[in-house]
Amino acid sequence: MFKNLTYKLANLFGGNNTMARTKQYVVYTREFAKGNVKNKVGVFLDEAKNALDTNGNVNGGVIKYKNLKMKRSTPTTNLIGKGYDFSVRVIGTGNYEVAKGMKNSVIALLKDNGKTLINKVA
């Protein structure tokens, strides 16, 4: 259900996989799980250049690896410290305005579906 929803949102807001000449941003989610508990989600916006693999494509694995290396205290590092594992889903890419709109829409949809958001500021 969540995968289908993210696909529809990406198409609705014009998210695409090709990079343009303007600064591009990627919208992604971190979905936390511990045992059977899968209700903690974070929606994030980052520069696409920080999420590129060796072929130049936006890759969730690259994002996860960089998030695991994070040292400062954040909700993500607190959950990892408590034994939660997370997966990264890339929603889409676009310029800043498109990416911000995607992020706000995903946050609103997750709130409506009763998910626990770790970042409530949109």
PDB file of N, CA and C in Angstrom:
ATOM      1  N   MET A   1       0.823  -1.189   0.000  1.00  0.00           N
ATOM      2  CA  MET A   1       0.000   0.000   0.000  1.00  0.00           C
ATOM      3  C   MET A   1       0.867   1.253   0.000  1.00  0.00           C
ATOM      4  N   PHE A   2       1.888   1.279   0.877  1.00  0.00           N
ATOM      5  CA  PHE A   2       2.751   2.443   0.966  1.00  0.00           C
ATOM      6  C   PHE A   2       3.549   2.638  -0.313  1.00  0.00           C
ATOM      7  N   LYS A   3       3.996   1.525  -0.904  1.00  0.00           N
ATOM      8  CA  LYS A   3       4.762   1.591  -2.140  1.00  0.00           C
ATOM      9  C   LYS A   3       3.909   2.165  -3.265  1.00  0.00           C
ATOM     10  N   ASN A   4       2.658   1.726  -3.365  1.00  0.00           N
ATOM     11  CA  ASN A   4       1.741   2.221  -4.377  1.00  0.00           C
ATOM     12  C   ASN A   4       1.473   3.709  -4.168  1.00  0.00           C
ATOM     13  N   LEU A   5       1.329   4.117  -2.916  1.00  0.00           N
ATOM     14  CA  LEU A   5       1.079   5.515  -2.584  1.00  0.00           C
ATOM     15  C   LEU A   5       2.251   6.399  -2.988  1.00  0.00           C
ATOM     16  N   THR A   6       3.480   5.939  -2.708  1.00  0.00           N
ATOM     17  CA  THR A   6       4.645   6.731  -3.064  1.00  0.00           C
ATOM     18  C   THR A   6       4.797   6.844  -4.579  1.00  0.00           C
ATOM     19  N   TYR A   7       4.441   5.780  -5.305  1.00  0.00           N
ATOM     20  CA  TYR A   7       4.510   5.823  -6.765  1.00  0.00           C
ATOM     21  C   TYR A   7       3.531   6.863  -7.306  1.00  0.00           C
ATOM     22  N   LYS A   8       2.317   6.882  -6.756  1.00  0.00           N
ATOM     23  CA  LYS A   8       1.315   7.853  -7.198  1.00  0.00           C
ATOM     24  C   LYS A   8       1.750   9.274  -6.888  1.00  0.00           C
ATOM     25  N   LEU A   9       2.334   9.479  -5.698  1.00  0.00           N
ATOM     26  CA  LEU A   9       2.802  10.819  -5.334  1.00  0.00           C
ATOM     27  C   LEU A   9       3.923  11.282  -6.250  1.00  0.00           C
ATOM     28  N   ALA A  10       4.849  10.390  -6.553  1.00  0.00           N
ATOM     29  CA  ALA A  10       5.956  10.759  -7.428  1.00  0.00           C
ATOM     30  C   ALA A  10       5.449  11.175  -8.802  1.00  0.00           C
ATOM     31  N   ASN A  11       4.453  10.464  -9.317  1.00  0.00           N
ATOM     32  CA  ASN A  11       3.884  10.827 -10.613  1.00  0.00           C
ATOM     33  C   ASN A  11       3.083  12.108 -10.532  1.00  0.00           C
ATOM     34  N   LEU A  12       2.372  12.313  -9.438  1.00  0.00           N
ATOM     35  CA  LEU A  12       1.558  13.503  -9.264  1.00  0.00           C
ATOM     36  C   LEU A  12       2.400  14.772  -9.227  1.00  0.00           C
ATOM     37  N   PHE A  13       3.512  14.728  -8.508  1.00  0.00           N
ATOM     38  CA  PHE A  13       4.343  15.913  -8.354  1.00  0.00           C
ATOM     39  C   PHE A  13       5.462  16.011  -9.370  1.00  0.00           C
ATOM     40  N   GLY A  14       5.486  15.127 -10.320  1.00  0.00           N
ATOM     41  CA  GLY A  14       6.476  15.220 -11.386  1.00  0.00           C
ATOM     42  C   GLY A  14       7.852  14.731 -10.983  1.00  0.00           C
ATOM     43  N   GLY A  15       7.967  13.932  -9.939  1.00  0.00           N
ATOM     44  CA  GLY A  15       9.255  13.387  -9.557  1.00  0.00           C
ATOM     45  C   GLY A  15       9.773  12.478 -10.650  1.00  0.00           C
ATOM     46  N   ASN A  16      11.047  12.581 -10.939  1.00  0.00           N
ATOM     47  CA  ASN A  16      11.606  11.748 -12.000  1.00  0.00           C
ATOM     48  C   ASN A  16      12.988  11.279 -11.590  1.00  0.00           C
ATOM     49  N   ASN A  17      13.551  10.404 -12.369  1.00  0.00           N
ATOM     50  CA  ASN A  17      14.854   9.841 -12.051  1.00  0.00           C
ATOM     51  C   ASN A  17      15.988  10.516 -12.798  1.00  0.00           C
ATOM     52  N   THR A  18      15.697  11.416 -13.716  1.00  0.00           N
ATOM     53  CA  THR A  18      16.748  12.078 -14.463  1.00  0.00           C
ATOM     54  C   THR A  18      17.078  13.404 -13.794  1.00  0.00           C
ATOM     55  N   MET A  19      18.316  13.754 -13.846  1.00  0.00           N
ATOM     56  CA  MET A  19      18.772  14.967 -13.175  1.00  0.00           C
ATOM     57  C   MET A  19      18.808  16.132 -14.167  1.00  0.00           C
ATOM     58  N   ALA A  20      18.404  17.297 -13.712  1.00  0.00           N
ATOM     59  CA  ALA A  20      18.404  18.492 -14.548  1.00  0.00           C
ATOM     60  C   ALA A  20      19.634  19.346 -14.211  1.00  0.00           C
ATOM     61  N   ARG A  21      19.740  20.489 -14.839  1.00  0.00           N
ATOM     62  CA  ARG A  21      20.875  21.371 -14.596  1.00  0.00           C
ATOM     63  C   ARG A  21      20.724  22.151 -13.293  1.00  0.00           C
ATOM     64  N   THR A  22      19.516  22.382 -12.832  1.00  0.00           N
ATOM     65  CA  THR A  22      19.322  23.099 -11.573  1.00  0.00           C
ATOM     66  C   THR A  22      19.602  22.149 -10.413  1.00  0.00           C
ATOM     67  N   LYS A  23      19.791  22.740  -9.237  1.00  0.00           N
ATOM     68  CA  LYS A  23      20.053  21.916  -8.058  1.00  0.00           C
ATOM     69  C   LYS A  23      18.854  21.026  -7.786  1.00  0.00           C
ATOM     70  N   GLN A  24      19.107  19.737  -7.671  1.00  0.00           N
ATOM     71  CA  GLN A  24      18.050  18.754  -7.476  1.00  0.00           C
ATOM     72  C   GLN A  24      18.044  18.249  -6.039  1.00  0.00           C
ATOM     73  N   TYR A  25      16.862  17.904  -5.566  1.00  0.00           N
ATOM     74  CA  TYR A  25      16.682  17.386  -4.219  1.00  0.00           C
ATOM     75  C   TYR A  25      15.967  16.043  -4.303  1.00  0.00           C
ATOM     76  N   VAL A  26      16.226  15.195  -3.327  1.00  0.00           N
ATOM     77  CA  VAL A  26      15.584  13.895  -3.255  1.00  0.00           C
ATOM     78  C   VAL A  26      14.737  13.856  -1.985  1.00  0.00           C
ATOM     79  N   VAL A  27      13.538  13.310  -2.113  1.00  0.00           N
ATOM     80  CA  VAL A  27      12.658  13.092  -0.967  1.00  0.00           C
ATOM     81  C   VAL A  27      12.663  11.601  -0.691  1.00  0.00           C
ATOM     82  N   TYR A  28      12.905  11.242   0.572  1.00  0.00           N
ATOM     83  CA  TYR A  28      12.953   9.826   0.923  1.00  0.00           C
ATOM     84  C   TYR A  28      12.380   9.614   2.313  1.00  0.00           C
ATOM     85  N   THR A  29      12.031   8.373   2.603  1.00  0.00           N
ATOM     86  CA  THR A  29      11.534   8.020   3.930  1.00  0.00           C
ATOM     87  C   THR A  29      12.501   7.060   4.585  1.00  0.00           C
ATOM     88  N   ARG A  30      12.556   7.141   5.904  1.00  0.00           N
ATOM     89  CA  ARG A  30      13.240   6.132   6.715  1.00  0.00           C
ATOM     90  C   ARG A  30      12.144   5.418   7.481  1.00  0.00           C
ATOM     91  N   GLU A  31      11.995   4.133   7.247  1.00  0.00           N
ATOM     92  CA  GLU A  31      10.962   3.339   7.902  1.00  0.00           C
ATOM     93  C   GLU A  31      11.639   2.432   8.926  1.00  0.00           C
ATOM     94  N   PHE A  32      11.286   2.625  10.188  1.00  0.00           N
ATOM     95  CA  PHE A  32      11.935   1.907  11.281  1.00  0.00           C
ATOM     96  C   PHE A  32      11.127   0.692  11.680  1.00  0.00           C
ATOM     97  N   ALA A  33      11.831  -0.404  11.985  1.00  0.00           N
ATOM     98  CA  ALA A  33      11.171  -1.636  12.397  1.00  0.00           C
ATOM     99  C   ALA A  33      11.977  -2.281  13.510  1.00  0.00           C
ATOM    100  N   LYS A  34      11.263  -2.831  14.488  1.00  0.00           N
ATOM    101  CA  LYS A  34      11.878  -3.611  15.565  1.00  0.00           C
ATOM    102  C   LYS A  34      10.896  -4.722  15.891  1.00  0.00           C
ATOM    103  N   GLY A  35      11.243  -5.938  15.511  1.00  0.00           N
ATOM    104  CA  GLY A  35      10.290  -7.033  15.674  1.00  0.00           C
ATOM    105  C   GLY A  35       9.122  -6.831  14.730  1.00  0.00           C
ATOM    106  N   ASN A  36       7.920  -6.846  15.264  1.00  0.00           N
ATOM    107  CA  ASN A  36       6.723  -6.653  14.452  1.00  0.00           C
ATOM    108  C   ASN A  36       6.237  -5.209  14.434  1.00  0.00           C
ATOM    109  N   VAL A  37       6.953  -4.319  15.095  1.00  0.00           N
ATOM    110  CA  VAL A  37       6.545  -2.911  15.149  1.00  0.00           C
ATOM    111  C   VAL A  37       7.110  -2.195  13.933  1.00  0.00           C
ATOM    112  N   LYS A  38       6.217  -1.692  13.070  1.00  0.00           N
ATOM    113  CA  LYS A  38       6.656  -1.014  11.851  1.00  0.00           C
ATOM    114  C   LYS A  38       5.857   0.272  11.664  1.00  0.00           C
ATOM    115  N   ASN A  39       5.841   1.133  12.675  1.00  0.00           N
ATOM    116  CA  ASN A  39       5.007   2.320  12.539  1.00  0.00           C
ATOM    117  C   ASN A  39       5.766   3.625  12.678  1.00  0.00           C
ATOM    118  N   LYS A  40       7.068   3.599  12.803  1.00  0.00           N
ATOM    119  CA  LYS A  40       7.837   4.828  12.912  1.00  0.00           C
ATOM    120  C   LYS A  40       8.430   5.173  11.549  1.00  0.00           C
ATOM    121  N   VAL A  41       8.114   6.368  11.075  1.00  0.00           N
ATOM    122  CA  VAL A  41       8.553   6.789   9.739  1.00  0.00           C
ATOM    123  C   VAL A  41       9.055   8.222   9.814  1.00  0.00           C
ATOM    124  N   GLY A  42      10.111   8.508   9.088  1.00  0.00           N
ATOM    125  CA  GLY A  42      10.615   9.860   8.928  1.00  0.00           C
ATOM    126  C   GLY A  42      10.651  10.207   7.456  1.00  0.00           C
ATOM    127  N   VAL A  43      10.274  11.435   7.129  1.00  0.00           N
ATOM    128  CA  VAL A  43      10.293  11.891   5.733  1.00  0.00           C
ATOM    129  C   VAL A  43      11.341  12.993   5.640  1.00  0.00           C
ATOM    130  N   PHE A  44      12.266  12.860   4.709  1.00  0.00           N
ATOM    131  CA  PHE A  44      13.403  13.757   4.655  1.00  0.00           C
ATOM    132  C   PHE A  44      13.636  14.298   3.251  1.00  0.00           C
ATOM    133  N   LEU A  45      14.280  15.440   3.205  1.00  0.00           N
ATOM    134  CA  LEU A  45      14.622  16.141   1.969  1.00  0.00           C
ATOM    135  C   LEU A  45      16.122  16.393   2.012  1.00  0.00           C
ATOM    136  N   ASP A  46      16.827  16.012   0.970  1.00  0.00           N
ATOM    137  CA  ASP A  46      18.274  16.184   0.940  1.00  0.00           C
ATOM    138  C   ASP A  46      18.698  16.482  -0.491  1.00  0.00           C
ATOM    139  N   GLU A  47      19.878  17.057  -0.649  1.00  0.00           N
ATOM    140  CA  GLU A  47      20.390  17.297  -1.994  1.00  0.00           C
ATOM    141  C   GLU A  47      20.642  15.967  -2.684  1.00  0.00           C
ATOM    142  N   ALA A  48      20.253  15.880  -3.932  1.00  0.00           N
ATOM    143  CA  ALA A  48      20.381  14.621  -4.669  1.00  0.00           C
ATOM    144  C   ALA A  48      21.840  14.238  -4.870  1.00  0.00           C
ATOM    145  N   LYS A  49      22.733  15.205  -4.921  1.00  0.00           N
ATOM    146  CA  LYS A  49      24.151  14.865  -5.136  1.00  0.00           C
ATOM    147  C   LYS A  49      24.707  14.031  -3.984  1.00  0.00           C
ATOM    148  N   ASN A  50      24.065  14.091  -2.786  1.00  0.00           N
ATOM    149  CA  ASN A  50      24.506  13.298  -1.645  1.00  0.00           C
ATOM    150  C   ASN A  50      23.958  11.876  -1.679  1.00  0.00           C
ATOM    151  N   ALA A  51      23.112  11.552  -2.649  1.00  0.00           N
ATOM    152  CA  ALA A  51      22.456  10.243  -2.698  1.00  0.00           C
ATOM    153  C   ALA A  51      22.754   9.486  -3.992  1.00  0.00           C
ATOM    154  N   LEU A  52      23.785   9.879  -4.706  1.00  0.00           N
ATOM    155  CA  LEU A  52      24.080   9.256  -5.995  1.00  0.00           C
ATOM    156  C   LEU A  52      25.016   8.071  -5.837  1.00  0.00           C
ATOM    157  N   ASP A  53      24.732   6.997  -6.586  1.00  0.00           N
ATOM    158  CA  ASP A  53      25.638   5.856  -6.613  1.00  0.00           C
ATOM    159  C   ASP A  53      26.705   6.094  -7.678  1.00  0.00           C
ATOM    160  N   THR A  54      27.517   5.092  -7.939  1.00  0.00           N
ATOM    161  CA  THR A  54      28.623   5.269  -8.884  1.00  0.00           C
ATOM    162  C   THR A  54      28.154   5.485 -10.319  1.00  0.00           C
ATOM    163  N   ASN A  55      26.923   5.082 -10.640  1.00  0.00           N
ATOM    164  CA  ASN A  55      26.385   5.287 -11.990  1.00  0.00           C
ATOM    165  C   ASN A  55      25.671   6.615 -12.138  1.00  0.00           C
ATOM    166  N   GLY A  56      25.572   7.400 -11.060  1.00  0.00           N
ATOM    167  CA  GLY A  56      24.908   8.689 -11.126  1.00  0.00           C
ATOM    168  C   GLY A  56      23.416   8.632 -10.872  1.00  0.00           C
ATOM    169  N   ASN A  57      22.908   7.513 -10.383  1.00  0.00           N
ATOM    170  CA  ASN A  57      21.490   7.371 -10.075  1.00  0.00           C
ATOM    171  C   ASN A  57      21.255   7.554  -8.583  1.00  0.00           C
ATOM    172  N   VAL A  58      20.086   8.092  -8.225  1.00  0.00           N
ATOM    173  CA  VAL A  58      19.714   8.220  -6.824  1.00  0.00           C
ATOM    174  C   VAL A  58      19.486   6.813  -6.276  1.00  0.00           C
ATOM    175  N   ASN A  59      20.100   6.514  -5.126  1.00  0.00           N
ATOM    176  CA  ASN A  59      20.075   5.160  -4.589  1.00  0.00           C
ATOM    177  C   ASN A  59      19.783   5.196  -3.095  1.00  0.00           C
ATOM    178  N   GLY A  60      18.792   4.423  -2.662  1.00  0.00           N
ATOM    179  CA  GLY A  60      18.434   4.364  -1.244  1.00  0.00           C
ATOM    180  C   GLY A  60      19.521   3.753  -0.387  1.00  0.00           C
ATOM    181  N   GLY A  61      20.302   2.830  -0.939  1.00  0.00           N
ATOM    182  CA  GLY A  61      21.403   2.220  -0.195  1.00  0.00           C
ATOM    183  C   GLY A  61      22.476   3.230   0.175  1.00  0.00           C
ATOM    184  N   VAL A  62      22.759   4.151  -0.729  1.00  0.00           N
ATOM    185  CA  VAL A  62      23.738   5.206  -0.458  1.00  0.00           C
ATOM    186  C   VAL A  62      23.225   6.094   0.669  1.00  0.00           C
ATOM    187  N   ILE A  63      21.935   6.425   0.635  1.00  0.00           N
ATOM    188  CA  ILE A  63      21.343   7.264   1.672  1.00  0.00           C
ATOM    189  C   ILE A  63      21.416   6.556   3.022  1.00  0.00           C
ATOM    190  N   LYS A  64      21.071   5.269   3.064  1.00  0.00           N
ATOM    191  CA  LYS A  64      21.098   4.521   4.322  1.00  0.00           C
ATOM    192  C   LYS A  64      22.510   4.475   4.886  1.00  0.00           C
ATOM    193  N   TYR A  65      23.490   4.195   4.049  1.00  0.00           N
ATOM    194  CA  TYR A  65      24.875   4.119   4.505  1.00  0.00           C
ATOM    195  C   TYR A  65      25.319   5.447   5.114  1.00  0.00           C
ATOM    196  N   LYS A  66      24.972   6.562   4.468  1.00  0.00           N
ATOM    197  CA  LYS A  66      25.347   7.873   4.998  1.00  0.00           C
ATOM    198  C   LYS A  66      24.621   8.170   6.300  1.00  0.00           C
ATOM    199  N   ASN A  67      23.362   7.719   6.424  1.00  0.00           N
ATOM    200  CA  ASN A  67      22.620   7.922   7.662  1.00  0.00           C
ATOM    201  C   ASN A  67      23.203   7.102   8.806  1.00  0.00           C
ATOM    202  N   LEU A  68      23.699   5.911   8.514  1.00  0.00           N
ATOM    203  CA  LEU A  68      24.314   5.082   9.549  1.00  0.00           C
ATOM    204  C   LEU A  68      25.621   5.677  10.065  1.00  0.00           C
ATOM    205  N   LYS A  69      26.313   6.428   9.232  1.00  0.00           N
ATOM    206  CA  LYS A  69      27.572   7.055   9.642  1.00  0.00           C
ATOM    207  C   LYS A  69      27.357   8.315  10.486  1.00  0.00           C
ATOM    208  N   MET A  70      26.110   8.781  10.606  1.00  0.00           N
ATOM    209  CA  MET A  70      25.801  10.014  11.323  1.00  0.00           C
ATOM    210  C   MET A  70      26.180   9.870  12.798  1.00  0.00           C
ATOM    211  N   LYS A  71      26.867  10.849  13.359  1.00  0.00           N
ATOM    212  CA  LYS A  71      27.341  10.787  14.743  1.00  0.00           C
ATOM    213  C   LYS A  71      26.526  11.658  15.704  1.00  0.00           C
ATOM    214  N   ARG A  72      25.929  12.736  15.205  1.00  0.00           N
ATOM    215  CA  ARG A  72      25.215  13.636  16.117  1.00  0.00           C
ATOM    216  C   ARG A  72      23.908  12.993  16.596  1.00  0.00           C
ATOM    217  N   SER A  73      23.396  13.497  17.704  1.00  0.00           N
ATOM    218  CA  SER A  73      22.177  12.932  18.288  1.00  0.00           C
ATOM    219  C   SER A  73      20.952  13.444  17.528  1.00  0.00           C
ATOM    220  N   THR A  74      20.249  12.528  16.900  1.00  0.00           N
ATOM    221  CA  THR A  74      19.030  12.836  16.160  1.00  0.00           C
ATOM    222  C   THR A  74      17.995  11.764  16.511  1.00  0.00           C
ATOM    223  N   PRO A  75      16.738  11.966  16.144  1.00  0.00           N
ATOM    224  CA  PRO A  75      15.761  10.893  16.355  1.00  0.00           C
ATOM    225  C   PRO A  75      16.180   9.582  15.683  1.00  0.00           C
ATOM    226  N   THR A  76      16.824   9.671  14.535  1.00  0.00           N
ATOM    227  CA  THR A  76      17.277   8.466  13.839  1.00  0.00           C
ATOM    228  C   THR A  76      18.330   7.729  14.647  1.00  0.00           C
ATOM    229  N   THR A  77      19.352   8.431  15.122  1.00  0.00           N
ATOM    230  CA  THR A  77      20.409   7.762  15.885  1.00  0.00           C
ATOM    231  C   THR A  77      19.868   7.232  17.212  1.00  0.00           C
ATOM    232  N   ASN A  78      18.884   7.906  17.795  1.00  0.00           N
ATOM    233  CA  ASN A  78      18.276   7.407  19.033  1.00  0.00           C
ATOM    234  C   ASN A  78      17.547   6.090  18.784  1.00  0.00           C
ATOM    235  N   LEU A  79      16.796   5.986  17.695  1.00  0.00           N
ATOM    236  CA  LEU A  79      16.089   4.749  17.375  1.00  0.00           C
ATOM    237  C   LEU A  79      17.052   3.620  17.030  1.00  0.00           C
ATOM    238  N   ILE A  80      18.121   3.932  16.319  1.00  0.00           N
ATOM    239  CA  ILE A  80      19.122   2.909  15.994  1.00  0.00           C
ATOM    240  C   ILE A  80      19.764   2.408  17.285  1.00  0.00           C
ATOM    241  N   GLY A  81      20.027   3.308  18.223  1.00  0.00           N
ATOM    242  CA  GLY A  81      20.596   2.926  19.506  1.00  0.00           C
ATOM    243  C   GLY A  81      19.675   2.029  20.320  1.00  0.00           C
ATOM    244  N   LYS A  82      18.370   2.131  20.105  1.00  0.00           N
ATOM    245  CA  LYS A  82      17.401   1.297  20.825  1.00  0.00           C
ATOM    246  C   LYS A  82      17.164  -0.045  20.137  1.00  0.00           C
ATOM    247  N   GLY A  83      17.863  -0.313  19.047  1.00  0.00           N
ATOM    248  CA  GLY A  83      17.764  -1.602  18.385  1.00  0.00           C
ATOM    249  C   GLY A  83      16.862  -1.631  17.168  1.00  0.00           C
ATOM    250  N   TYR A  84      16.377  -0.488  16.726  1.00  0.00           N
ATOM    251  CA  TYR A  84      15.546  -0.445  15.522  1.00  0.00           C
ATOM    252  C   TYR A  84      16.435  -0.498  14.287  1.00  0.00           C
ATOM    253  N   ASP A  85      15.955  -1.179  13.254  1.00  0.00           N
ATOM    254  CA  ASP A  85      16.604  -1.166  11.956  1.00  0.00           C
ATOM    255  C   ASP A  85      15.724  -0.319  11.044  1.00  0.00           C
ATOM    256  N   PHE A  86      16.281   0.240   9.989  1.00  0.00           N
ATOM    257  CA  PHE A  86      15.462   1.049   9.098  1.00  0.00           C
ATOM    258  C   PHE A  86      15.768   0.749   7.646  1.00  0.00           C
ATOM    259  N   SER A  87      14.770   1.019   6.830  1.00  0.00           N
ATOM    260  CA  SER A  87      14.946   0.914   5.387  1.00  0.00           C
ATOM    261  C   SER A  87      14.647   2.281   4.784  1.00  0.00           C
ATOM    262  N   VAL A  88      15.253   2.546   3.658  1.00  0.00           N
ATOM    263  CA  VAL A  88      15.101   3.834   2.980  1.00  0.00           C
ATOM    264  C   VAL A  88      14.316   3.612   1.698  1.00  0.00           C
ATOM    265  N   ARG A  89      13.289   4.427   1.499  1.00  0.00           N
ATOM    266  CA  ARG A  89      12.524   4.415   0.239  1.00  0.00           C
ATOM    267  C   ARG A  89      12.640   5.792  -0.404  1.00  0.00           C
ATOM    268  N   VAL A  90      13.091   5.815  -1.623  1.00  0.00           N
ATOM    269  CA  VAL A  90      13.192   7.077  -2.361  1.00  0.00           C
ATOM    270  C   VAL A  90      11.832   7.370  -2.971  1.00  0.00           C
ATOM    271  N   ILE A  91      11.275   8.552  -2.655  1.00  0.00           N
ATOM    272  CA  ILE A  91       9.965   8.955  -3.180  1.00  0.00           C
ATOM    273  C   ILE A  91      10.130   9.575  -4.566  1.00  0.00           C
ATOM    274  N   GLY A  92      11.054  10.509  -4.698  1.00  0.00           N
ATOM    275  CA  GLY A  92      11.263  11.155  -5.986  1.00  0.00           C
ATOM    276  C   GLY A  92      12.292  12.256  -5.899  1.00  0.00           C
ATOM    277  N   THR A  93      12.607  12.834  -7.036  1.00  0.00           N
ATOM    278  CA  THR A  93      13.551  13.946  -7.105  1.00  0.00           C
ATOM    279  C   THR A  93      12.891  15.109  -7.820  1.00  0.00           C
ATOM    280  N   GLY A  94      13.417  16.279  -7.595  1.00  0.00           N
ATOM    281  CA  GLY A  94      12.921  17.472  -8.259  1.00  0.00           C
ATOM    282  C   GLY A  94      13.615  18.696  -7.720  1.00  0.00           C
ATOM    283  N   ASN A  95      13.227  19.861  -8.228  1.00  0.00           N
ATOM    284  CA  ASN A  95      13.797  21.079  -7.681  1.00  0.00           C
ATOM    285  C   ASN A  95      13.259  21.283  -6.259  1.00  0.00           C
ATOM    286  N   TYR A  96      13.702  22.317  -5.590  1.00  0.00           N
ATOM    287  CA  TYR A  96      13.371  22.491  -4.171  1.00  0.00           C
ATOM    288  C   TYR A  96      11.873  22.590  -3.931  1.00  0.00           C
ATOM    289  N   GLU A  97      11.180  23.356  -4.740  1.00  0.00           N
ATOM    290  CA  GLU A  97       9.740  23.552  -4.535  1.00  0.00           C
ATOM    291  C   GLU A  97       8.952  22.256  -4.730  1.00  0.00           C
ATOM    292  N   VAL A  98       9.295  21.506  -5.758  1.00  0.00           N
ATOM    293  CA  VAL A  98       8.618  20.236  -6.015  1.00  0.00           C
ATOM    294  C   VAL A  98       8.896  19.256  -4.881  1.00  0.00           C
ATOM    295  N   ALA A  99      10.160  19.186  -4.456  1.00  0.00           N
ATOM    296  CA  ALA A  99      10.537  18.261  -3.387  1.00  0.00           C
ATOM    297  C   ALA A  99       9.866  18.640  -2.070  1.00  0.00           C
ATOM    298  N   LYS A 100       9.796  19.924  -1.770  1.00  0.00           N
ATOM    299  CA  LYS A 100       9.137  20.373  -0.534  1.00  0.00           C
ATOM    300  C   LYS A 100       7.651  20.016  -0.562  1.00  0.00           C
ATOM    301  N   GLY A 101       7.001  20.185  -1.704  1.00  0.00           N
ATOM    302  CA  GLY A 101       5.598  19.812  -1.844  1.00  0.00           C
ATOM    303  C   GLY A 101       5.388  18.319  -1.667  1.00  0.00           C
ATOM    304  N   MET A 102       6.292  17.506  -2.248  1.00  0.00           N
ATOM    305  CA  MET A 102       6.212  16.057  -2.073  1.00  0.00           C
ATOM    306  C   MET A 102       6.346  15.678  -0.608  1.00  0.00           C
ATOM    307  N   LYS A 103       7.313  16.282   0.066  1.00  0.00           N
ATOM    308  CA  LYS A 103       7.554  15.971   1.477  1.00  0.00           C
ATOM    309  C   LYS A 103       6.330  16.311   2.320  1.00  0.00           C
ATOM    310  N   ASN A 104       5.761  17.488   2.125  1.00  0.00           N
ATOM    311  CA  ASN A 104       4.585  17.895   2.896  1.00  0.00           C
ATOM    312  C   ASN A 104       3.398  16.978   2.637  1.00  0.00           C
ATOM    313  N   SER A 105       3.215  16.561   1.394  1.00  0.00           N
ATOM    314  CA  SER A 105       2.106  15.656   1.056  1.00  0.00           C
ATOM    315  C   SER A 105       2.289  14.280   1.690  1.00  0.00           C
ATOM    316  N   VAL A 106       3.502  13.764   1.654  1.00  0.00           N
ATOM    317  CA  VAL A 106       3.766  12.460   2.254  1.00  0.00           C
ATOM    318  C   VAL A 106       3.551  12.517   3.761  1.00  0.00           C
ATOM    319  N   ILE A 107       3.997  13.593   4.407  1.00  0.00           N
ATOM    320  CA  ILE A 107       3.796  13.743   5.853  1.00  0.00           C
ATOM    321  C   ILE A 107       2.312  13.780   6.170  1.00  0.00           C
ATOM    322  N   ALA A 108       1.538  14.525   5.391  1.00  0.00           N
ATOM    323  CA  ALA A 108       0.089  14.604   5.631  1.00  0.00           C
ATOM    324  C   ALA A 108      -0.573  13.237   5.459  1.00  0.00           C
ATOM    325  N   LEU A 109      -0.184  12.495   4.422  1.00  0.00           N
ATOM    326  CA  LEU A 109      -0.763  11.170   4.191  1.00  0.00           C
ATOM    327  C   LEU A 109      -0.392  10.178   5.294  1.00  0.00           C
ATOM    328  N   LEU A 110       0.837  10.255   5.766  1.00  0.00           N
ATOM    329  CA  LEU A 110       1.249   9.358   6.842  1.00  0.00           C
ATOM    330  C   LEU A 110       0.519   9.669   8.145  1.00  0.00           C
ATOM    331  N   LYS A 111       0.325  10.959   8.428  1.00  0.00           N
ATOM    332  CA  LYS A 111      -0.438  11.333   9.617  1.00  0.00           C
ATOM    333  C   LYS A 111      -1.863  10.811   9.527  1.00  0.00           C
ATOM    334  N   ASP A 112      -2.473  10.928   8.355  1.00  0.00           N
ATOM    335  CA  ASP A 112      -3.848  10.457   8.160  1.00  0.00           C
ATOM    336  C   ASP A 112      -3.961   8.937   8.316  1.00  0.00           C
ATOM    337  N   ASN A 113      -2.869   8.199   8.015  1.00  0.00           N
ATOM    338  CA  ASN A 113      -2.884   6.743   8.132  1.00  0.00           C
ATOM    339  C   ASN A 113      -2.421   6.250   9.495  1.00  0.00           C
ATOM    340  N   GLY A 114      -2.179   7.160  10.445  1.00  0.00           N
ATOM    341  CA  GLY A 114      -1.843   6.767  11.808  1.00  0.00           C
ATOM    342  C   GLY A 114      -0.419   6.337  12.032  1.00  0.00           C
ATOM    343  N   LYS A 115       0.485   6.694  11.161  1.00  0.00           N
ATOM    344  CA  LYS A 115       1.886   6.364  11.354  1.00  0.00           C
ATOM    345  C   LYS A 115       2.506   7.333  12.357  1.00  0.00           C
ATOM    346  N   THR A 116       3.500   6.865  13.109  1.00  0.00           N
ATOM    347  CA  THR A 116       4.218   7.709  14.046  1.00  0.00           C
ATOM    348  C   THR A 116       5.368   8.367  13.289  1.00  0.00           C
ATOM    349  N   LEU A 117       5.326   9.698  13.186  1.00  0.00           N
ATOM    350  CA  LEU A 117       6.374  10.433  12.474  1.00  0.00           C
ATOM    351  C   LEU A 117       7.461  10.837  13.449  1.00  0.00           C
ATOM    352  N   ILE A 118       8.718  10.632  13.038  1.00  0.00           N
ATOM    353  CA  ILE A 118       9.810  11.054  13.901  1.00  0.00           C
ATOM    354  C   ILE A 118      10.247  12.482  13.607  1.00  0.00           C
ATOM    355  N   ASN A 119       9.777  13.053  12.509  1.00  0.00           N
ATOM    356  CA  ASN A 119      10.022  14.460  12.201  1.00  0.00           C
ATOM    357  C   ASN A 119       8.710  15.108  11.819  1.00  0.00           C
ATOM    358  N   LYS A 120       8.127  15.835  12.724  1.00  0.00           N
ATOM    359  CA  LYS A 120       6.803  16.413  12.486  1.00  0.00           C
ATOM    360  C   LYS A 120       6.868  17.763  11.792  1.00  0.00           C
ATOM    361  N   VAL A 121       8.037  18.366  11.719  1.00  0.00           N
ATOM    362  CA  VAL A 121       8.192  19.671  11.072  1.00  0.00           C
ATOM    363  C   VAL A 121       8.290  19.464   9.584  1.00  0.00           C
ATOM    364  N   ALA A 122       7.417  20.116   8.844  1.00  0.00           N
ATOM    365  CA  ALA A 122       7.441  19.960   7.388  1.00  0.00           C
ATOM    366  C   ALA A 122       8.045  21.183   6.734  1.00  0.00           C
TER     367      ALA A 122
END
